[in-house]
Amino acid sequence: MTNAQSRSARIEARIAPDILAAVRRAAEIQGRSVSDFVVDAARRAAEETIRETQIIKLTLADQEKVAEVLSRPPGKSPALERARKARDELIRKAR
């Protein structure tokens, strides 16, 4: 699918004249249309925002705490043991 074929939505924005001038100049420097420049900048900003929310960043101390907790899983609680027995009983009755 080409760029022209994939573009089916339109977006509009109000922009201050000085910002528009800067965007036009930047697009001109890159040899692109203002529309292409803005779409690409918006796509990159959107991807970065999404990427930032999908990665949890921890300090070294916090990483060590997480590793320590994961290396010592809790034992079976009474509630977990009751749930396992109830599950086993349901499965046995279903057979």
Protein backbone atom coordinates (compact mmCIF):
# COMPACT_ATOMS: atom_id res chain seq x y z
CA MET A 1 0.00 0.00 0.00
CA THR A 2 1.44 3.37 -0.95
CA ASN A 3 1.36 6.46 1.24
CA ALA A 4 -1.32 8.02 -0.95
CA GLN A 5 -3.51 4.92 -0.70
CA SER A 6 -3.09 4.55 3.07
CA ARG A 7 -4.08 8.11 3.88
CA SER A 8 -7.79 8.13 4.51
CA ALA A 9 -8.13 10.37 7.57
CA ARG A 10 -7.67 14.08 7.92
CA ILE A 11 -6.49 16.05 10.92
CA GLU A 12 -6.60 19.78 11.45
CA ALA A 13 -4.85 21.94 14.02
CA ARG A 14 -4.58 25.58 14.84
CA ILE A 15 -0.96 26.68 14.98
CA ALA A 16 0.76 29.93 15.81
CA PRO A 17 2.29 31.67 12.78
CA ASP A 18 5.83 31.48 14.16
CA ILE A 19 5.51 27.73 14.75
CA LEU A 20 4.09 27.23 11.26
CA ALA A 21 7.04 29.15 9.84
CA ALA A 22 9.45 26.88 11.71
CA VAL A 23 7.61 23.76 10.51
CA ARG A 24 7.63 25.01 6.92
CA ARG A 25 11.35 25.78 7.14
CA ALA A 26 12.15 22.36 8.63
CA ALA A 27 10.08 20.59 5.97
CA GLU A 28 11.83 22.62 3.27
CA ILE A 29 15.25 21.69 4.68
CA GLN A 30 14.30 18.00 4.47
CA GLY A 31 12.83 18.42 0.99
CA ARG A 32 9.39 17.33 2.14
CA SER A 33 5.93 18.79 2.12
CA VAL A 34 4.65 20.33 5.33
CA SER A 35 2.03 17.59 5.48
CA ASP A 36 4.62 14.80 5.17
CA PHE A 37 6.84 16.49 7.73
CA VAL A 38 4.03 16.91 10.26
CA VAL A 39 2.66 13.38 9.77
CA ASP A 40 6.12 11.88 10.24
CA ALA A 41 6.82 14.01 13.34
CA ALA A 42 3.44 13.06 14.84
CA ARG A 43 4.03 9.36 14.09
CA ARG A 44 7.47 9.43 15.72
CA ALA A 45 6.12 11.27 18.77
CA ALA A 46 3.22 8.80 19.09
CA GLU A 47 5.54 5.78 18.82
CA GLU A 48 7.88 7.23 21.44
CA THR A 49 5.02 7.97 23.83
CA ILE A 50 3.64 4.45 23.44
CA ARG A 51 7.11 2.91 23.86
CA GLU A 52 7.71 4.92 27.05
CA THR A 53 4.50 3.62 28.62
CA GLN A 54 5.33 0.00 27.81
CA ILE A 55 8.69 -0.03 29.55
CA ILE A 56 9.01 0.06 33.32
CA LYS A 57 12.18 1.81 34.37
CA LEU A 58 13.63 0.94 37.77
CA THR A 59 16.63 2.16 39.66
CA LEU A 60 19.38 -0.38 40.25
CA ALA A 61 18.25 -0.70 43.89
CA ASP A 62 14.66 -1.37 42.78
CA GLN A 63 15.84 -3.92 40.22
CA GLU A 64 17.71 -5.74 42.97
CA LYS A 65 14.61 -5.72 45.20
CA VAL A 66 12.47 -7.18 42.41
CA ALA A 67 15.05 -9.89 41.69
CA GLU A 68 15.24 -10.72 45.40
CA VAL A 69 11.46 -11.02 45.76
CA LEU A 70 11.19 -13.16 42.63
CA SER A 71 13.93 -15.47 43.84
CA ARG A 72 11.96 -16.20 47.05
CA PRO A 73 8.38 -17.03 46.04
CA PRO A 74 5.95 -17.30 48.93
CA GLY A 75 4.87 -20.72 50.14
CA LYS A 76 1.40 -22.10 49.61
CA SER A 77 -1.17 -20.26 51.65
CA PRO A 78 -4.09 -22.13 53.24
CA ALA A 79 -6.47 -20.42 50.80
CA LEU A 80 -4.39 -21.53 47.83
CA GLU A 81 -4.31 -25.10 49.11
CA ARG A 82 -8.12 -25.08 49.59
CA ALA A 83 -8.56 -23.73 46.05
CA ARG A 84 -6.30 -26.46 44.63
CA LYS A 85 -8.27 -29.16 46.46
CA ALA A 86 -11.59 -27.70 45.28
CA ARG A 87 -10.29 -27.63 41.70
CA ASP A 88 -9.09 -31.21 41.92
CA GLU A 89 -12.49 -32.28 43.29
CA LEU A 90 -14.35 -30.49 40.45
CA ILE A 91 -12.15 -32.16 37.86
CA ARG A 92 -12.58 -35.58 39.50
CA LYS A 93 -16.39 -35.19 39.49
CA ALA A 94 -16.42 -34.06 35.85
CA ARG A 95 -14.79 -37.31 34.70
